[in-house]
Structures are given as structure tokens and as C-alpha cells.
Amino acid sequence: MMLNYFKENIWLILFVFWGLPLTYYRSKFRKIVYQTDSWVINIKPLFIKEVNGLLGNLYPNNIDYLKQRNFYRFYIFIYVALFLVYLNLG
């Protein structure tokens, strides 16, 4: 019975499992992009600079920014790939 439940809900389980750390990684990235340590940045609807920071290179000399940006890009790529596989199988 448990195995059957797992098989029927594998995509939901994968999305939840992969999505849980997203808030932490996004928070770290936003704090670097907006150059703040305030938790308030997590609830503000600011996206333009964040998208520019993700797709561009806002701080080319900031090693922390470059590492976090590249990791965040990888993380989102895997999330999108999971979603595309889900759409193609469904």
C-alpha cells in the first residue's frame, strides 16, 4: 500500500523534496544581490535586480555572489528539468 502511494505521488514527492531548500538558497542570493542582511528582503516583491543578477553579472569581483549565482542557476535548472519531464510524461 505504501509503495503504491509512493508510485502514484512520485512527482509531488520530488517537487517537495527539491523545492524545500529553495527558500534558503533564494534568500542567500537575494541578500547578496540587494546587499543587505535584513530578513525583510525575503518578503519584498523585488524581482528586476534579482533576475538581472541571475542572468547577468552584477558583481564580477564578488566571489560569494558568483558562487551563489552559479549554484542558484544550477538549482533552478534542475527544478525546471523536473517540471519539463513531468509535463512530457503526463
Foldseek 3Di string as FASTA:
>chain_A
DVVVVCVVCVLVVVLCVLVPCVLVLLQQQQCVQVVHPDPVSSVDPDDPSSVCLLVHPPDVVDPSSVVSSVVNNVSVVVSVVSVVVVVVVD
